[in-house]
Amino acid sequence: MSNSSSSISQFLLLAFADTRELQLLHFCLFLGIYLAALLGNGLIIITIACDHRLHTPMYFFLLNLSVLDLGCISTTVPKSMANSLWDTRAISYTGCVGQLFLFTFLFSTEYCLLTVMAYDCYVAICHPLHYGTLLGSRACVHMAAAAWASGFLHAVLHTANTFSLPLCHGNAVDQFFCEIPQILKLSCSDAYLRETGFILFNVCLDFGCFVFIVVSYVQIFKAVLRIPSQQGRHKAFSTCLPHLAVVSLFLISAVFANVKSPSISSLLLDLVVAFLYSVVPPAVNPFIYSMRNQELKDAMWKLRTRCL
């Protein structure tokens, strides 16, 4: 193969299994997870869109989160399922670029949106009398648009940076989808320095959002502990616990994926970590948000009875 990426027409993704039985097992497992994510996120999107009582800032952001989760899991899982079903590892060069861009775009936007949702929780608990003023419909649209625009810019920069390098270490990607660190390993240039720059940029961006989320929740917990009634404290905690659980799941998996030491890196570990941050959250988030949210469950039940 030539030392230029222009000669690469396709990449070979990492296969979950070598035997036909395990490939079909992988297909069935991913199909079940994908259908659960489609059902959960799709139901949330339809319910919020159809029920005017849920046309509030919190549910507007939740609708955006569900759209992002659907996009994230649809970017990676169907291709992996198809490869297992047809016993192939190939993805076209254009397909790999598109997959990397879309996943980076949606993943980055989701993190920015979770930061916005932390602000929503903060205002709802700490400044309830000013909630309608601080989070009016125009302000919500602007914040959501800023999250999407930030994710898009992040994806454009990283995708252009990744594929601007000539690739001369083959075309085998050690992951089940096109991931930036794995593509950089194929580079002819000093991939270590480029990976370090990528990680530092991500850490700076993530740390800024993380600090904002932590400060928001410190203020939230202080406000909740000042509520005199136990019922009031329980209601306040119930409002923010789903978001806190989703943020924790998102951050733990994403941070570990970015900062794990190369000395403990292995194909199996990289595969597990990628599965945890790219597949699990989109499938689990709908259940986290609907499990303790009686208002959302009532709206879903109402929608179900209306359709039957």
C-alpha atoms as a PDB file:
ATOM      1  CA  MET A   1       0.000   0.000   0.000  1.00  0.00           C
ATOM      2  CA  SER A   2       1.216   3.528  -0.780  1.00  0.00           C
ATOM      3  CA  ASN A   3       2.338   5.843   1.980  1.00  0.00           C
ATOM      4  CA  SER A   4      -0.496   8.209   1.171  1.00  0.00           C
ATOM      5  CA  SER A   5      -4.026   8.039   2.514  1.00  0.00           C
ATOM      6  CA  SER A   6      -5.250   8.791  -1.012  1.00  0.00           C
ATOM      7  CA  SER A   7      -4.474   5.189  -1.951  1.00  0.00           C
ATOM      8  CA  ILE A   8      -6.725   3.821   0.821  1.00  0.00           C
ATOM      9  CA  SER A   9     -10.186   3.047  -0.519  1.00  0.00           C
ATOM     10  CA  GLN A  10     -11.459   1.302   2.586  1.00  0.00           C
ATOM     11  CA  PHE A  11     -10.676   0.529   6.213  1.00  0.00           C
ATOM     12  CA  LEU A  12     -11.008  -2.764   8.059  1.00  0.00           C
ATOM     13  CA  LEU A  13     -12.876  -2.461  11.358  1.00  0.00           C
ATOM     14  CA  LEU A  14     -12.195  -4.683  14.340  1.00  0.00           C
ATOM     15  CA  ALA A  15     -14.384  -7.772  14.395  1.00  0.00           C
ATOM     16  CA  PHE A  16     -16.041  -8.803  17.647  1.00  0.00           C
ATOM     17  CA  ALA A  17     -15.699 -12.501  16.817  1.00  0.00           C
ATOM     18  CA  ASP A  18     -14.076 -14.877  14.334  1.00  0.00           C
ATOM     19  CA  THR A  19     -16.509 -17.791  14.403  1.00  0.00           C
ATOM     20  CA  ARG A  20     -19.858 -17.592  12.643  1.00  0.00           C
ATOM     21  CA  GLU A  21     -21.808 -18.466  15.791  1.00  0.00           C
ATOM     22  CA  LEU A  22     -20.236 -15.648  17.796  1.00  0.00           C
ATOM     23  CA  GLN A  23     -20.727 -13.215  14.911  1.00  0.00           C
ATOM     24  CA  LEU A  24     -24.449 -14.000  14.895  1.00  0.00           C
ATOM     25  CA  LEU A  25     -24.525 -13.677  18.691  1.00  0.00           C
ATOM     26  CA  HIS A  26     -22.907 -10.253  18.397  1.00  0.00           C
ATOM     27  CA  PHE A  27     -25.468  -9.287  15.749  1.00  0.00           C
ATOM     28  CA  CYS A  28     -28.391 -10.360  17.952  1.00  0.00           C
ATOM     29  CA  LEU A  29     -26.956  -8.598  21.025  1.00  0.00           C
ATOM     30  CA  PHE A  30     -26.395  -5.329  19.180  1.00  0.00           C
ATOM     31  CA  LEU A  31     -29.793  -5.633  17.503  1.00  0.00           C
ATOM     32  CA  GLY A  32     -31.480  -5.933  20.909  1.00  0.00           C
ATOM     33  CA  ILE A  33     -29.581  -2.932  22.288  1.00  0.00           C
ATOM     34  CA  TYR A  34     -30.268  -0.879  19.158  1.00  0.00           C
ATOM     35  CA  LEU A  35     -33.987  -1.641  19.180  1.00  0.00           C
ATOM     36  CA  ALA A  36     -34.165  -0.751  22.888  1.00  0.00           C
ATOM     37  CA  ALA A  37     -32.458   2.580  22.162  1.00  0.00           C
ATOM     38  CA  LEU A  38     -34.769   3.259  19.204  1.00  0.00           C
ATOM     39  CA  LEU A  39     -37.848   2.428  21.252  1.00  0.00           C
ATOM     40  CA  GLY A  40     -36.832   4.368  24.352  1.00  0.00           C
ATOM     41  CA  ASN A  41     -35.558   7.502  22.647  1.00  0.00           C
ATOM     42  CA  GLY A  42     -38.241   7.428  19.964  1.00  0.00           C
ATOM     43  CA  LEU A  43     -40.976   7.168  22.591  1.00  0.00           C
ATOM     44  CA  ILE A  44     -39.551  10.133  24.508  1.00  0.00           C
ATOM     45  CA  ILE A  45     -39.321  12.239  21.325  1.00  0.00           C
ATOM     46  CA  ILE A  46     -42.886  11.432  20.235  1.00  0.00           C
ATOM     47  CA  THR A  47     -44.323  11.900  23.724  1.00  0.00           C
ATOM     48  CA  ILE A  48     -42.705  15.309  24.263  1.00  0.00           C
ATOM     49  CA  ALA A  49     -43.620  16.478  20.774  1.00  0.00           C
ATOM     50  CA  CYS A  50     -47.272  15.406  21.086  1.00  0.00           C
ATOM     51  CA  ASP A  51     -48.035  16.454  24.679  1.00  0.00           C
ATOM     52  CA  HIS A  52     -48.304  20.234  25.079  1.00  0.00           C
ATOM     53  CA  ARG A  53     -47.896  19.892  28.867  1.00  0.00           C
ATOM     54  CA  LEU A  54     -44.313  18.779  28.251  1.00  0.00           C
ATOM     55  CA  HIS A  55     -43.428  21.841  26.179  1.00  0.00           C
ATOM     56  CA  THR A  56     -41.162  23.183  28.907  1.00  0.00           C
ATOM     57  CA  PRO A  57     -37.389  23.902  28.938  1.00  0.00           C
ATOM     58  CA  MET A  58     -36.505  20.653  30.739  1.00  0.00           C
ATOM     59  CA  TYR A  59     -38.375  18.481  28.244  1.00  0.00           C
ATOM     60  CA  PHE A  60     -37.170  20.559  25.293  1.00  0.00           C
ATOM     61  CA  PHE A  61     -33.584  19.750  26.266  1.00  0.00           C
ATOM     62  CA  LEU A  62     -34.531  16.127  26.947  1.00  0.00           C
ATOM     63  CA  LEU A  63     -35.973  15.887  23.426  1.00  0.00           C
ATOM     64  CA  ASN A  64     -32.680  17.188  22.028  1.00  0.00           C
ATOM     65  CA  LEU A  65     -30.782  14.655  24.146  1.00  0.00           C
ATOM     66  CA  SER A  66     -32.896  11.795  22.795  1.00  0.00           C
ATOM     67  CA  VAL A  67     -32.297  12.940  19.212  1.00  0.00           C
ATOM     68  CA  LEU A  68     -28.544  13.000  19.890  1.00  0.00           C
ATOM     69  CA  ASP A  69     -28.626   9.560  21.516  1.00  0.00           C
ATOM     70  CA  LEU A  70     -30.474   8.138  18.515  1.00  0.00           C
ATOM     71  CA  GLY A  71     -27.920   9.698  16.190  1.00  0.00           C
ATOM     72  CA  CYS A  72     -24.923   8.448  18.205  1.00  0.00           C
ATOM     73  CA  ILE A  73     -26.013   4.833  18.350  1.00  0.00           C
ATOM     74  CA  SER A  74     -27.222   4.879  14.726  1.00  0.00           C
ATOM     75  CA  THR A  75     -23.801   6.063  13.580  1.00  0.00           C
ATOM     76  CA  THR A  76     -21.862   3.092  14.957  1.00  0.00           C
ATOM     77  CA  VAL A  77     -24.069   0.089  15.759  1.00  0.00           C
ATOM     78  CA  PRO A  78     -25.852  -0.629  12.419  1.00  0.00           C
ATOM     79  CA  LYS A  79     -22.549  -0.821  10.508  1.00  0.00           C
ATOM     80  CA  SER A  80     -21.057  -3.157  13.117  1.00  0.00           C
ATOM     81  CA  MET A  81     -24.190  -5.324  12.960  1.00  0.00           C
ATOM     82  CA  ALA A  82     -24.082  -5.449   9.159  1.00  0.00           C
ATOM     83  CA  ASN A  83     -20.411  -6.439   9.165  1.00  0.00           C
ATOM     84  CA  SER A  84     -21.085  -9.295  11.586  1.00  0.00           C
ATOM     85  CA  LEU A  85     -24.108 -10.462   9.612  1.00  0.00           C
ATOM     86  CA  TRP A  86     -22.294 -10.450   6.271  1.00  0.00           C
ATOM     87  CA  ASP A  87     -18.972 -11.657   7.710  1.00  0.00           C
ATOM     88  CA  THR A  88     -16.934  -8.655   6.613  1.00  0.00           C
ATOM     89  CA  ARG A  89     -14.847  -5.933   8.254  1.00  0.00           C
ATOM     90  CA  ALA A  90     -14.821  -3.350   5.475  1.00  0.00           C
ATOM     91  CA  ILE A  91     -15.967   0.256   5.602  1.00  0.00           C
ATOM     92  CA  SER A  92     -15.272   2.647   2.739  1.00  0.00           C
ATOM     93  CA  TYR A  93     -12.903   5.584   3.179  1.00  0.00           C
ATOM     94  CA  THR A  94     -15.780   8.025   2.717  1.00  0.00           C
ATOM     95  CA  GLY A  95     -17.931   5.998   5.090  1.00  0.00           C
ATOM     96  CA  CYS A  96     -15.191   6.087   7.726  1.00  0.00           C
ATOM     97  CA  VAL A  97     -14.798   9.859   7.400  1.00  0.00           C
ATOM     98  CA  GLY A  98     -18.556  10.303   7.651  1.00  0.00           C
ATOM     99  CA  GLN A  99     -18.860   7.973  10.642  1.00  0.00           C
ATOM    100  CA  LEU A 100     -16.024   9.676  12.518  1.00  0.00           C
ATOM    101  CA  PHE A 101     -17.438  13.143  11.798  1.00  0.00           C
ATOM    102  CA  LEU A 102     -21.016  12.284  12.779  1.00  0.00           C
ATOM    103  CA  PHE A 103     -20.045  10.481  15.969  1.00  0.00           C
ATOM    104  CA  THR A 104     -17.704  13.284  17.068  1.00  0.00           C
ATOM    105  CA  PHE A 105     -20.366  15.877  16.210  1.00  0.00           C
ATOM    106  CA  LEU A 106     -23.175  14.132  18.100  1.00  0.00           C
ATOM    107  CA  PHE A 107     -21.017  13.064  21.050  1.00  0.00           C
ATOM    108  CA  SER A 108     -19.562  16.565  21.548  1.00  0.00           C
ATOM    109  CA  THR A 109     -22.990  18.176  21.176  1.00  0.00           C
ATOM    110  CA  GLU A 110     -24.408  15.817  23.804  1.00  0.00           C
ATOM    111  CA  TYR A 111     -21.763  16.846  26.315  1.00  0.00           C
ATOM    112  CA  CYS A 112     -22.479  20.526  25.667  1.00  0.00           C
ATOM    113  CA  LEU A 113     -26.208  19.859  25.991  1.00  0.00           C
ATOM    114  CA  LEU A 114     -25.723  18.047  29.314  1.00  0.00           C
ATOM    115  CA  THR A 115     -23.915  21.171  30.523  1.00  0.00           C
ATOM    116  CA  VAL A 116     -26.901  23.288  29.467  1.00  0.00           C
ATOM    117  CA  MET A 117     -29.234  20.861  31.253  1.00  0.00           C
ATOM    118  CA  ALA A 118     -27.192  21.318  34.441  1.00  0.00           C
ATOM    119  CA  TYR A 119     -27.907  25.045  34.161  1.00  0.00           C
ATOM    120  CA  ASP A 120     -31.593  24.237  33.702  1.00  0.00           C
ATOM    121  CA  CYS A 121     -31.558  22.203  36.949  1.00  0.00           C
ATOM    122  CA  TYR A 122     -29.680  24.990  38.718  1.00  0.00           C
ATOM    123  CA  VAL A 123     -32.204  27.648  37.753  1.00  0.00           C
ATOM    124  CA  ALA A 124     -35.183  25.388  38.544  1.00  0.00           C
ATOM    125  CA  ILE A 125     -33.908  24.641  42.082  1.00  0.00           C
ATOM    126  CA  CYS A 126     -31.992  27.790  43.044  1.00  0.00           C
ATOM    127  CA  HIS A 127     -33.998  30.490  41.246  1.00  0.00           C
ATOM    128  CA  PRO A 128     -37.502  29.054  40.694  1.00  0.00           C
ATOM    129  CA  LEU A 129     -39.161  32.486  40.654  1.00  0.00           C
ATOM    130  CA  HIS A 130     -36.936  33.577  37.753  1.00  0.00           C
ATOM    131  CA  TYR A 131     -37.178  30.297  35.834  1.00  0.00           C
ATOM    132  CA  GLY A 132     -39.568  31.620  33.183  1.00  0.00           C
ATOM    133  CA  THR A 133     -37.436  34.725  32.658  1.00  0.00           C
ATOM    134  CA  LEU A 134     -34.024  33.059  32.518  1.00  0.00           C
ATOM    135  CA  LEU A 135     -35.207  30.084  30.470  1.00  0.00           C
ATOM    136  CA  GLY A 136     -37.737  31.482  28.075  1.00  0.00           C
ATOM    137  CA  SER A 137     -38.386  29.780  24.763  1.00  0.00           C
ATOM    138  CA  ARG A 138     -35.928  32.006  22.891  1.00  0.00           C
ATOM    139  CA  ALA A 139     -33.180  31.462  25.468  1.00  0.00           C
ATOM    140  CA  CYS A 140     -33.704  27.680  25.318  1.00  0.00           C
ATOM    141  CA  VAL A 141     -33.469  27.652  21.524  1.00  0.00           C
ATOM    142  CA  HIS A 142     -30.304  29.774  21.637  1.00  0.00           C
ATOM    143  CA  MET A 143     -28.633  27.487  24.206  1.00  0.00           C
ATOM    144  CA  ALA A 144     -29.561  24.340  22.288  1.00  0.00           C
ATOM    145  CA  ALA A 145     -28.337  25.918  19.039  1.00  0.00           C
ATOM    146  CA  ALA A 146     -25.042  26.872  20.738  1.00  0.00           C
ATOM    147  CA  ALA A 147     -24.582  23.265  21.887  1.00  0.00           C
ATOM    148  CA  TRP A 148     -25.197  21.926  18.367  1.00  0.00           C
ATOM    149  CA  ALA A 149     -22.929  24.574  16.795  1.00  0.00           C
ATOM    150  CA  SER A 150     -20.126  23.815  19.288  1.00  0.00           C
ATOM    151  CA  GLY A 151     -20.362  20.106  18.526  1.00  0.00           C
ATOM    152  CA  PHE A 152     -20.300  20.783  14.789  1.00  0.00           C
ATOM    153  CA  LEU A 153     -17.213  23.007  15.021  1.00  0.00           C
ATOM    154  CA  HIS A 154     -15.483  20.447  17.250  1.00  0.00           C
ATOM    155  CA  ALA A 155     -16.231  17.673  14.737  1.00  0.00           C
ATOM    156  CA  VAL A 156     -15.076  19.674  11.720  1.00  0.00           C
ATOM    157  CA  LEU A 157     -11.756  20.560  13.346  1.00  0.00           C
ATOM    158  CA  HIS A 158     -11.010  17.040  14.553  1.00  0.00           C
ATOM    159  CA  THR A 159     -12.129  15.274  11.390  1.00  0.00           C
ATOM    160  CA  ALA A 160     -10.069  17.605   9.197  1.00  0.00           C
ATOM    161  CA  ASN A 161      -7.091  17.223  11.528  1.00  0.00           C
ATOM    162  CA  THR A 162      -7.322  13.428  11.584  1.00  0.00           C
ATOM    163  CA  PHE A 163      -7.645  12.828   7.851  1.00  0.00           C
ATOM    164  CA  SER A 164      -5.149  15.540   6.825  1.00  0.00           C
ATOM    165  CA  LEU A 165      -2.327  13.159   7.727  1.00  0.00           C
ATOM    166  CA  PRO A 166      -0.987  10.575   5.281  1.00  0.00           C
ATOM    167  CA  LEU A 167      -1.708   7.042   6.479  1.00  0.00           C
ATOM    168  CA  CYS A 168       1.016   4.470   6.007  1.00  0.00           C
ATOM    169  CA  HIS A 169       0.483   1.863   8.728  1.00  0.00           C
ATOM    170  CA  GLY A 170      -2.116  -0.142   6.875  1.00  0.00           C
ATOM    171  CA  ASN A 171      -5.885   0.229   6.940  1.00  0.00           C
ATOM    172  CA  ALA A 172      -6.848  -1.983   9.897  1.00  0.00           C
ATOM    173  CA  VAL A 173      -8.677   0.030  12.578  1.00  0.00           C
ATOM    174  CA  ASP A 174      -8.459  -1.502  16.054  1.00  0.00           C
ATOM    175  CA  GLN A 175     -12.036  -0.570  16.931  1.00  0.00           C
ATOM    176  CA  PHE A 176     -15.555  -1.545  15.835  1.00  0.00           C
ATOM    177  CA  PHE A 177     -16.109   1.966  14.432  1.00  0.00           C
ATOM    178  CA  CYS A 178     -13.894   4.739  13.077  1.00  0.00           C
ATOM    179  CA  GLU A 179     -12.504   6.464  16.155  1.00  0.00           C
ATOM    180  CA  ILE A 180     -10.017   9.342  16.107  1.00  0.00           C
ATOM    181  CA  PRO A 181      -7.242   7.789  18.244  1.00  0.00           C
ATOM    182  CA  GLN A 182      -7.371   4.564  16.225  1.00  0.00           C
ATOM    183  CA  ILE A 183      -7.134   6.410  12.878  1.00  0.00           C
ATOM    184  CA  LEU A 184      -4.219   8.468  14.201  1.00  0.00           C
ATOM    185  CA  LYS A 185      -2.334   5.237  14.960  1.00  0.00           C
ATOM    186  CA  LEU A 186      -2.251   4.586  11.206  1.00  0.00           C
ATOM    187  CA  SER A 187      -0.574   7.918  10.510  1.00  0.00           C
ATOM    188  CA  CYS A 188       2.909   8.245   9.021  1.00  0.00           C
ATOM    189  CA  SER A 189       3.557  11.263  11.234  1.00  0.00           C
ATOM    190  CA  ASP A 190       4.321  11.282  14.933  1.00  0.00           C
ATOM    191  CA  ALA A 191       0.929   9.994  16.031  1.00  0.00           C
ATOM    192  CA  TYR A 192       1.856  10.238  19.699  1.00  0.00           C
ATOM    193  CA  LEU A 193       2.204  14.018  19.531  1.00  0.00           C
ATOM    194  CA  ARG A 194      -0.991  14.377  17.516  1.00  0.00           C
ATOM    195  CA  GLU A 195      -2.871  12.114  19.942  1.00  0.00           C
ATOM    196  CA  THR A 196      -1.517  14.122  22.870  1.00  0.00           C
ATOM    197  CA  GLY A 197      -2.741  17.339  21.278  1.00  0.00           C
ATOM    198  CA  PHE A 198      -6.130  15.779  20.641  1.00  0.00           C
ATOM    199  CA  ILE A 199      -6.406  14.583  24.238  1.00  0.00           C
ATOM    200  CA  LEU A 200      -5.294  17.937  25.685  1.00  0.00           C
ATOM    201  CA  PHE A 201      -7.828  19.825  23.552  1.00  0.00           C
ATOM    202  CA  ASN A 202     -10.590  17.464  24.652  1.00  0.00           C
ATOM    203  CA  VAL A 203      -9.558  17.632  28.301  1.00  0.00           C
ATOM    204  CA  CYS A 204      -9.614  21.455  28.258  1.00  0.00           C
ATOM    205  CA  LEU A 205     -13.070  21.524  26.664  1.00  0.00           C
ATOM    206  CA  ASP A 206     -14.385  18.773  28.905  1.00  0.00           C
ATOM    207  CA  PHE A 207     -12.871  20.308  32.030  1.00  0.00           C
ATOM    208  CA  GLY A 208     -14.596  23.643  31.393  1.00  0.00           C
ATOM    209  CA  CYS A 209     -17.974  21.938  31.065  1.00  0.00           C
ATOM    210  CA  PHE A 210     -17.191  19.671  34.014  1.00  0.00           C
ATOM    211  CA  VAL A 211     -16.387  22.623  36.279  1.00  0.00           C
ATOM    212  CA  PHE A 212     -19.642  24.321  35.269  1.00  0.00           C
ATOM    213  CA  ILE A 213     -21.626  21.154  36.028  1.00  0.00           C
ATOM    214  CA  VAL A 214     -19.895  20.638  39.407  1.00  0.00           C
ATOM    215  CA  VAL A 215     -20.415  24.262  40.476  1.00  0.00           C
ATOM    216  CA  SER A 216     -24.078  24.051  39.405  1.00  0.00           C
ATOM    217  CA  TYR A 217     -24.642  20.919  41.488  1.00  0.00           C
ATOM    218  CA  VAL A 218     -22.841  22.326  44.529  1.00  0.00           C
ATOM    219  CA  GLN A 219     -25.278  25.233  44.448  1.00  0.00           C
ATOM    220  CA  ILE A 220     -28.199  22.854  43.833  1.00  0.00           C
ATOM    221  CA  PHE A 221     -27.330  20.646  46.818  1.00  0.00           C
ATOM    222  CA  LYS A 222     -26.900  23.687  49.055  1.00  0.00           C
ATOM    223  CA  ALA A 223     -30.339  24.958  48.005  1.00  0.00           C
ATOM    224  CA  VAL A 224     -31.969  21.556  48.443  1.00  0.00           C
ATOM    225  CA  LEU A 225     -30.543  21.076  51.949  1.00  0.00           C
ATOM    226  CA  ARG A 226     -32.065  24.423  52.947  1.00  0.00           C
ATOM    227  CA  ILE A 227     -35.565  23.233  52.037  1.00  0.00           C
ATOM    228  CA  PRO A 228     -37.353  22.648  55.361  1.00  0.00           C
ATOM    229  CA  SER A 229     -39.738  19.837  54.368  1.00  0.00           C
ATOM    230  CA  GLN A 230     -38.559  16.334  53.552  1.00  0.00           C
ATOM    231  CA  GLN A 231     -41.125  16.081  50.767  1.00  0.00           C
ATOM    232  CA  GLY A 232     -39.771  19.274  49.195  1.00  0.00           C
ATOM    233  CA  ARG A 233     -36.199  17.974  49.349  1.00  0.00           C
ATOM    234  CA  HIS A 234     -37.271  14.648  47.812  1.00  0.00           C
ATOM    235  CA  LYS A 235     -39.071  16.430  44.958  1.00  0.00           C
ATOM    236  CA  ALA A 236     -36.067  18.653  44.277  1.00  0.00           C
ATOM    237  CA  PHE A 237     -33.646  15.724  44.262  1.00  0.00           C
ATOM    238  CA  SER A 238     -35.994  13.751  41.984  1.00  0.00           C
ATOM    239  CA  THR A 239     -35.889  16.616  39.484  1.00  0.00           C
ATOM    240  CA  CYS A 240     -32.099  16.498  39.120  1.00  0.00           C
ATOM    241  CA  LEU A 241     -31.100  12.916  39.927  1.00  0.00           C
ATOM    242  CA  PRO A 242     -31.785  11.576  36.390  1.00  0.00           C
ATOM    243  CA  HIS A 243     -29.582  14.271  34.873  1.00  0.00           C
ATOM    244  CA  LEU A 244     -26.863  13.633  37.459  1.00  0.00           C
ATOM    245  CA  ALA A 245     -26.968   9.885  36.700  1.00  0.00           C
ATOM    246  CA  VAL A 246     -26.726  10.484  32.931  1.00  0.00           C
ATOM    247  CA  VAL A 247     -23.863  12.965  33.343  1.00  0.00           C
ATOM    248  CA  SER A 248     -21.977  10.556  35.633  1.00  0.00           C
ATOM    249  CA  LEU A 249     -22.352   7.666  33.163  1.00  0.00           C
ATOM    250  CA  PHE A 250     -21.299   9.890  30.267  1.00  0.00           C
ATOM    251  CA  LEU A 251     -18.286  11.417  32.012  1.00  0.00           C
ATOM    252  CA  ILE A 252     -16.893   8.278  33.628  1.00  0.00           C
ATOM    253  CA  SER A 253     -16.845   6.330  30.364  1.00  0.00           C
ATOM    254  CA  ALA A 254     -15.649   9.249  28.216  1.00  0.00           C
ATOM    255  CA  VAL A 255     -12.905  10.361  30.609  1.00  0.00           C
ATOM    256  CA  PHE A 256     -11.578   6.823  30.994  1.00  0.00           C
ATOM    257  CA  ALA A 257     -11.549   6.439  27.207  1.00  0.00           C
ATOM    258  CA  ASN A 258      -9.461   9.600  26.797  1.00  0.00           C
ATOM    259  CA  VAL A 259      -7.037   9.454  29.709  1.00  0.00           C
ATOM    260  CA  LYS A 260      -6.315   5.736  30.182  1.00  0.00           C
ATOM    261  CA  SER A 261      -2.598   5.001  30.089  1.00  0.00           C
ATOM    262  CA  PRO A 262      -1.154   3.423  26.916  1.00  0.00           C
ATOM    263  CA  SER A 263       0.525   0.855  29.163  1.00  0.00           C
ATOM    264  CA  ILE A 264      -2.859  -0.620  30.119  1.00  0.00           C
ATOM    265  CA  SER A 265      -4.294  -0.293  26.630  1.00  0.00           C
ATOM    266  CA  SER A 266      -5.280  -3.484  24.851  1.00  0.00           C
ATOM    267  CA  LEU A 267      -7.676  -4.457  22.089  1.00  0.00           C
ATOM    268  CA  LEU A 268     -10.163  -5.920  24.562  1.00  0.00           C
ATOM    269  CA  LEU A 269      -9.984  -2.956  26.933  1.00  0.00           C
ATOM    270  CA  ASP A 270     -10.336  -0.435  24.091  1.00  0.00           C
ATOM    271  CA  LEU A 271     -13.311  -2.391  22.770  1.00  0.00           C
ATOM    272  CA  VAL A 272     -15.037  -2.508  26.155  1.00  0.00           C
ATOM    273  CA  VAL A 273     -14.438   1.191  26.847  1.00  0.00           C
ATOM    274  CA  ALA A 274     -15.722   2.185  23.395  1.00  0.00           C
ATOM    275  CA  PHE A 275     -18.818   0.043  23.942  1.00  0.00           C
ATOM    276  CA  LEU A 276     -19.425   1.684  27.326  1.00  0.00           C
ATOM    277  CA  TYR A 277     -19.258   5.273  26.063  1.00  0.00           C
ATOM    278  CA  SER A 278     -20.763   4.857  22.573  1.00  0.00           C
ATOM    279  CA  VAL A 279     -23.463   2.187  22.954  1.00  0.00           C
ATOM    280  CA  VAL A 280     -24.561   1.981  26.592  1.00  0.00           C
ATOM    281  CA  PRO A 281     -25.570   5.632  27.289  1.00  0.00           C
ATOM    282  CA  PRO A 282     -27.955   5.992  24.297  1.00  0.00           C
ATOM    283  CA  ALA A 283     -29.684   2.751  25.301  1.00  0.00           C
ATOM    284  CA  VAL A 284     -29.826   3.486  29.040  1.00  0.00           C
ATOM    285  CA  ASN A 285     -30.579   7.234  29.122  1.00  0.00           C
ATOM    286  CA  PRO A 286     -34.302   6.926  28.215  1.00  0.00           C
ATOM    287  CA  PHE A 287     -34.879   4.506  31.087  1.00  0.00           C
ATOM    288  CA  ILE A 288     -32.961   6.710  33.545  1.00  0.00           C
ATOM    289  CA  TYR A 289     -35.078   9.730  32.643  1.00  0.00           C
ATOM    290  CA  SER A 290     -38.438   7.947  32.555  1.00  0.00           C
ATOM    291  CA  MET A 291     -37.951   5.652  35.563  1.00  0.00           C
ATOM    292  CA  ARG A 292     -38.556   8.322  38.250  1.00  0.00           C
ATOM    293  CA  ASN A 293     -40.425  10.866  36.138  1.00  0.00           C
ATOM    294  CA  GLN A 294     -44.131  10.355  36.814  1.00  0.00           C
ATOM    295  CA  GLU A 295     -45.133  13.240  34.546  1.00  0.00           C
ATOM    296  CA  LEU A 296     -43.325  11.679  31.580  1.00  0.00           C
ATOM    297  CA  LYS A 297     -44.721   8.203  32.350  1.00  0.00           C
ATOM    298  CA  ASP A 298     -48.261   9.595  32.558  1.00  0.00           C
ATOM    299  CA  ALA A 299     -47.798  11.335  29.209  1.00  0.00           C
ATOM    300  CA  MET A 300     -46.508   8.096  27.645  1.00  0.00           C
ATOM    301  CA  TRP A 301     -49.481   6.164  29.016  1.00  0.00           C
ATOM    302  CA  LYS A 302     -51.866   8.824  27.695  1.00  0.00           C
ATOM    303  CA  LEU A 303     -50.218   8.616  24.266  1.00  0.00           C
ATOM    304  CA  ARG A 304     -50.488   4.827  24.311  1.00  0.00           C
ATOM    305  CA  THR A 305     -54.214   4.856  25.167  1.00  0.00           C
ATOM    306  CA  ARG A 306     -54.812   7.482  22.472  1.00  0.00           C
ATOM    307  CA  CYS A 307     -53.127   5.333  19.814  1.00  0.00           C
ATOM    308  CA  LEU A 308     -54.900   2.083  20.726  1.00  0.00           C
END
